[in-house]
C-alpha atoms as a PDB file:
ATOM      1  CA  MET A   1      75.367 101.249  98.362  1.00  0.00           C
ATOM      2  CA  THR A   2      78.994 101.368  99.271  1.00  0.00           C
ATOM      3  CA  ASP A   3      81.669 103.652  97.262  1.00  0.00           C
ATOM      4  CA  PRO A   4      83.691 100.640  95.320  1.00  0.00           C
ATOM      5  CA  ALA A   5      86.743 102.885  95.435  1.00  0.00           C
ATOM      6  CA  THR A   6      86.163 102.817  99.568  1.00  0.00           C
ATOM      7  CA  PHE A   7      86.167  99.062  99.781  1.00  0.00           C
ATOM      8  CA  ALA A   8      89.135  98.831  97.541  1.00  0.00           C
ATOM      9  CA  ALA A   9      91.226 101.116  99.459  1.00  0.00           C
ATOM     10  CA  LEU A  10      90.441  99.168 102.622  1.00  0.00           C
ATOM     11  CA  PHE A  11      90.561  95.871 101.483  1.00  0.00           C
ATOM     12  CA  CYS A  12      94.373  97.062 100.156  1.00  0.00           C
ATOM     13  CA  ALA A  13      95.100  98.172 103.358  1.00  0.00           C
ATOM     14  CA  LEU A  14      93.358  95.496 105.399  1.00  0.00           C
ATOM     15  CA  TYR A  15      95.487  93.114 103.031  1.00  0.00           C
ATOM     16  CA  ALA A  16      98.858  94.284 103.556  1.00  0.00           C
ATOM     17  CA  ALA A  17      98.580  95.033 106.977  1.00  0.00           C
ATOM     18  CA  HIS A  18      97.571  91.242 107.115  1.00  0.00           C
ATOM     19  CA  GLN A  19     100.520  90.099 105.344  1.00  0.00           C
ATOM     20  CA  VAL A  20     102.828  92.457 107.683  1.00  0.00           C
ATOM     21  CA  GLY A  21     100.796  91.278 110.918  1.00  0.00           C
ATOM     22  CA  ASP A  22     100.848  87.867 110.394  1.00  0.00           C
ATOM     23  CA  HIS A  23     104.524  87.348 109.393  1.00  0.00           C
ATOM     24  CA  TRP A  24     106.070  90.129 110.613  1.00  0.00           C
ATOM     25  CA  VAL A  25     104.357  91.522 113.778  1.00  0.00           C
ATOM     26  CA  GLN A  26     103.589  87.977 115.277  1.00  0.00           C
ATOM     27  CA  SER A  27     106.287  86.891 118.076  1.00  0.00           C
ATOM     28  CA  ASP A  28     107.494  83.684 117.734  1.00  0.00           C
ATOM     29  CA  HIS A  29     106.465  82.292 120.888  1.00  0.00           C
ATOM     30  CA  ASP A  30     102.579  83.090 119.954  1.00  0.00           C
ATOM     31  CA  ALA A  31     103.536  81.707 116.672  1.00  0.00           C
ATOM     32  CA  ALA A  32     104.585  78.184 118.241  1.00  0.00           C
ATOM     33  CA  THR A  33     102.027  78.502 121.144  1.00  0.00           C
ATOM     34  CA  LYS A  34      98.575  79.734 119.983  1.00  0.00           C
ATOM     35  CA  GLY A  35      97.094  76.911 119.099  1.00  0.00           C
ATOM     36  CA  LYS A  36      98.349  74.803 122.188  1.00  0.00           C
ATOM     37  CA  PRO A  37      95.288  74.003 124.832  1.00  0.00           C
ATOM     38  CA  GLY A  38      94.924  75.668 128.047  1.00  0.00           C
ATOM     39  CA  ARG A  39      95.505  79.221 129.240  1.00  0.00           C
ATOM     40  CA  ALA A  40      98.703  79.638 127.305  1.00  0.00           C
ATOM     41  CA  GLY A  41      97.167  78.704 123.840  1.00  0.00           C
ATOM     42  CA  HIS A  42      94.434  81.166 124.267  1.00  0.00           C
ATOM     43  CA  THR A  43      96.855  83.876 125.834  1.00  0.00           C
ATOM     44  CA  ALA A  44      99.580  83.333 122.997  1.00  0.00           C
ATOM     45  CA  CYS A  45      96.411  83.516 120.401  1.00  0.00           C
ATOM     46  CA  ALA A  46      94.629  86.748 122.159  1.00  0.00           C
ATOM     47  CA  ASN A  47      98.390  88.699 121.884  1.00  0.00           C
ATOM     48  CA  HIS A  48      98.761  87.795 118.492  1.00  0.00           C
ATOM     49  CA  VAL A  49      95.110  88.892 117.526  1.00  0.00           C
ATOM     50  CA  PHE A  50      95.826  91.936 119.593  1.00  0.00           C
ATOM     51  CA  TRP A  51      98.853  93.298 117.703  1.00  0.00           C
ATOM     52  CA  LEU A  52      97.619  91.977 114.435  1.00  0.00           C
ATOM     53  CA  THR A  53      94.542  93.836 114.567  1.00  0.00           C
ATOM     54  CA  LEU A  54      96.575  97.015 115.995  1.00  0.00           C
ATOM     55  CA  THR A  55      98.404  96.354 112.723  1.00  0.00           C
ATOM     56  CA  LYS A  56      95.159  96.740 110.634  1.00  0.00           C
ATOM     57  CA  ALA A  57      94.045  99.821 112.073  1.00  0.00           C
ATOM     58  CA  MET A  58      97.360 101.968 112.121  1.00  0.00           C
ATOM     59  CA  ALA A  59      96.601 100.675 108.145  1.00  0.00           C
ATOM     60  CA  VAL A  60      93.314 101.780 107.902  1.00  0.00           C
ATOM     61  CA  LEU A  61      94.219 104.931 109.325  1.00  0.00           C
ATOM     62  CA  ALA A  62      96.624 105.752 107.399  1.00  0.00           C
ATOM     63  CA  VAL A  63      94.439 105.200 104.054  1.00  0.00           C
ATOM     64  CA  VAL A  64      91.722 107.566 106.154  1.00  0.00           C
ATOM     65  CA  GLN A  65      94.736 110.081 106.433  1.00  0.00           C
ATOM     66  CA  VAL A  66      96.103 110.188 102.872  1.00  0.00           C
ATOM     67  CA  THR A  67      93.184 109.485 101.311  1.00  0.00           C
ATOM     68  CA  GLY A  68      90.173 111.113 102.820  1.00  0.00           C
ATOM     69  CA  LEU A  69      87.932 108.511 102.901  1.00  0.00           C
ATOM     70  CA  SER A  70      85.023 109.238 105.402  1.00  0.00           C
ATOM     71  CA  LEU A  71      84.304 106.269 107.325  1.00  0.00           C
ATOM     72  CA  THR A  72      81.921 105.892 110.317  1.00  0.00           C
ATOM     73  CA  LEU A  73      83.609 104.613 113.549  1.00  0.00           C
ATOM     74  CA  PRO A  74      80.818 101.834 114.043  1.00  0.00           C
ATOM     75  CA  ALA A  75      81.382 100.461 110.614  1.00  0.00           C
ATOM     76  CA  VAL A  76      85.438 100.275 111.528  1.00  0.00           C
ATOM     77  CA  ALA A  77      84.893  98.835 114.857  1.00  0.00           C
ATOM     78  CA  LEU A  78      82.369  96.162 113.582  1.00  0.00           C
ATOM     79  CA  GLY A  79      84.601  95.334 110.643  1.00  0.00           C
ATOM     80  CA  MET A  80      88.203  94.913 112.952  1.00  0.00           C
ATOM     81  CA  ALA A  81      85.930  93.094 115.513  1.00  0.00           C
ATOM     82  CA  VAL A  82      84.541  90.364 112.786  1.00  0.00           C
ATOM     83  CA  ASP A  83      88.058  90.025 111.410  1.00  0.00           C
ATOM     84  CA  ALA A  84      89.813  89.709 115.215  1.00  0.00           C
ATOM     85  CA  ALA A  85      87.128  86.987 116.310  1.00  0.00           C
ATOM     86  CA  SER A  86      87.652  84.970 112.823  1.00  0.00           C
ATOM     87  CA  HIS A  87      90.992  85.138 112.678  1.00  0.00           C
ATOM     88  CA  TYR A  88      91.476  84.253 116.514  1.00  0.00           C
ATOM     89  CA  TRP A  89      89.193  81.511 115.922  1.00  0.00           C
ATOM     90  CA  ALA A  90      91.092  80.024 113.136  1.00  0.00           C
ATOM     91  CA  ASP A  91      94.201  80.546 114.936  1.00  0.00           C
ATOM     92  CA  ARG A  92      93.378  78.213 117.520  1.00  0.00           C
ATOM     93  CA  ARG A  93      93.923  75.833 114.881  1.00  0.00           C
ATOM     94  CA  HIS A  94      92.098  72.524 116.267  1.00  0.00           C
ATOM     95  CA  THR A  95      88.910  74.841 114.977  1.00  0.00           C
ATOM     96  CA  LEU A  96      90.096  75.563 111.535  1.00  0.00           C
ATOM     97  CA  ALA A  97      91.180  71.625 111.446  1.00  0.00           C
ATOM     98  CA  ALA A  98      87.490  70.324 112.690  1.00  0.00           C
ATOM     99  CA  LEU A  99      86.024  72.613 109.954  1.00  0.00           C
ATOM    100  CA  ALA A 100      88.405  70.876 107.180  1.00  0.00           C
ATOM    101  CA  ASP A 101      87.327  67.420 108.727  1.00  0.00           C
ATOM    102  CA  LEU A 102      83.919  68.416 107.926  1.00  0.00           C
ATOM    103  CA  ILE A 103      84.135  69.282 104.487  1.00  0.00           C
ATOM    104  CA  PRO A 104      84.755  66.512 101.933  1.00  0.00           C
ATOM    105  CA  GLY A 105      88.526  66.300 100.770  1.00  0.00           C
ATOM    106  CA  LYS A 106      89.315  69.612 103.055  1.00  0.00           C
ATOM    107  CA  SER A 107      90.976  66.973 106.124  1.00  0.00           C
ATOM    108  CA  LYS A 108      93.122  65.562 103.227  1.00  0.00           C
ATOM    109  CA  PHE A 109      94.254  68.854 102.112  1.00  0.00           C
ATOM    110  CA  TYR A 110      94.725  70.190 105.506  1.00  0.00           C
ATOM    111  CA  ARG A 111      97.399  67.907 106.734  1.00  0.00           C
ATOM    112  CA  LEU A 112      99.037  67.705 103.120  1.00  0.00           C
ATOM    113  CA  GLY A 113     102.690  68.895 103.759  1.00  0.00           C
ATOM    114  CA  ALA A 114     102.386  68.314 107.697  1.00  0.00           C
ATOM    115  CA  PRO A 115     105.406  66.838 109.752  1.00  0.00           C
ATOM    116  CA  ARG A 116     104.663  63.009 110.526  1.00  0.00           C
ATOM    117  CA  PRO A 117     103.766  62.350 114.094  1.00  0.00           C
ATOM    118  CA  GLY A 118     106.618  62.661 116.343  1.00  0.00           C
ATOM    119  CA  HIS A 119     108.695  63.957 113.603  1.00  0.00           C
ATOM    120  CA  ASP A 120     109.860  67.231 112.113  1.00  0.00           C
ATOM    121  CA  ASP A 121     110.444  66.115 108.799  1.00  0.00           C
ATOM    122  CA  ASN A 122     108.519  68.973 106.989  1.00  0.00           C
ATOM    123  CA  PRO A 123     109.621  72.373 108.372  1.00  0.00           C
ATOM    124  CA  THR A 124     108.181  74.789 105.658  1.00  0.00           C
ATOM    125  CA  ILE A 125     104.932  76.838 105.609  1.00  0.00           C
ATOM    126  CA  GLY A 126     104.212  75.252 102.236  1.00  0.00           C
ATOM    127  CA  THR A 127     101.360  73.303 104.044  1.00  0.00           C
ATOM    128  CA  GLY A 128      97.773  72.584 103.091  1.00  0.00           C
ATOM    129  CA  ALA A 129      96.827  73.727 106.941  1.00  0.00           C
ATOM    130  CA  TYR A 130      98.943  77.246 106.190  1.00  0.00           C
ATOM    131  CA  ALA A 131      97.057  77.609 102.503  1.00  0.00           C
ATOM    132  CA  LEU A 132      93.381  77.221 104.218  1.00  0.00           C
ATOM    133  CA  ASP A 133      94.277  79.274 107.538  1.00  0.00           C
ATOM    134  CA  GLN A 134      95.572  82.104 104.720  1.00  0.00           C
ATOM    135  CA  SER A 135      92.553  81.578 102.353  1.00  0.00           C
ATOM    136  CA  TRP A 136      90.184  81.801 105.459  1.00  0.00           C
ATOM    137  CA  HIS A 137      91.707  85.052 106.622  1.00  0.00           C
ATOM    138  CA  ILE A 138      91.739  86.587 103.478  1.00  0.00           C
ATOM    139  CA  GLY A 139      87.873  86.078 102.948  1.00  0.00           C
ATOM    140  CA  TRP A 140      87.149  87.538 106.520  1.00  0.00           C
ATOM    141  CA  LEU A 141      89.439  90.501 105.298  1.00  0.00           C
ATOM    142  CA  PHE A 142      86.741  90.841 102.173  1.00  0.00           C
ATOM    143  CA  ILE A 143      83.869  90.531 104.890  1.00  0.00           C
ATOM    144  CA  ALA A 144      85.308  93.158 107.526  1.00  0.00           C
ATOM    145  CA  ALA A 145      86.257  95.639 104.465  1.00  0.00           C
ATOM    146  CA  LEU A 146      82.664  95.310 103.117  1.00  0.00           C
ATOM    147  CA  LEU A 147      81.637  95.860 106.848  1.00  0.00           C
ATOM    148  CA  MET A 148      83.776  98.932 107.296  1.00  0.00           C
ATOM    149  CA  SER A 149      82.748 100.744 103.986  1.00  0.00           C
ATOM    150  CA  LEU A 150      78.930 100.916 104.974  1.00  0.00           C
END
């Protein structure tokens, strides 16, 4: 059994670190390039996920240091790896768009608020793609926190 307080502390740490890492730590270059095809896109996405994972690892370490939580290295490594892999997968963008296309009603929502092709007429992060991206990441943070607290 997992201690509920351990799970809660880990989820909070991962969620906070995700917000900081996905929005403050991520470079403008990585944000603009990570979804592009080819080597440049893969490299930018891998760089983003590296710094994001490091941010999350520091948050988990801070929680352990402050609270005295007892975690096992294999469980933490598994949780971090699952989170990093799921984040990389979604941030390649075409992958999450393809998943949305498979689910009735999500294709239209994914494209909600997106600029028209060839236009920059909606410069906002308030899009369906952003909402689905963030909810995907938060769902995997939940799973990562469960795995880490085993």
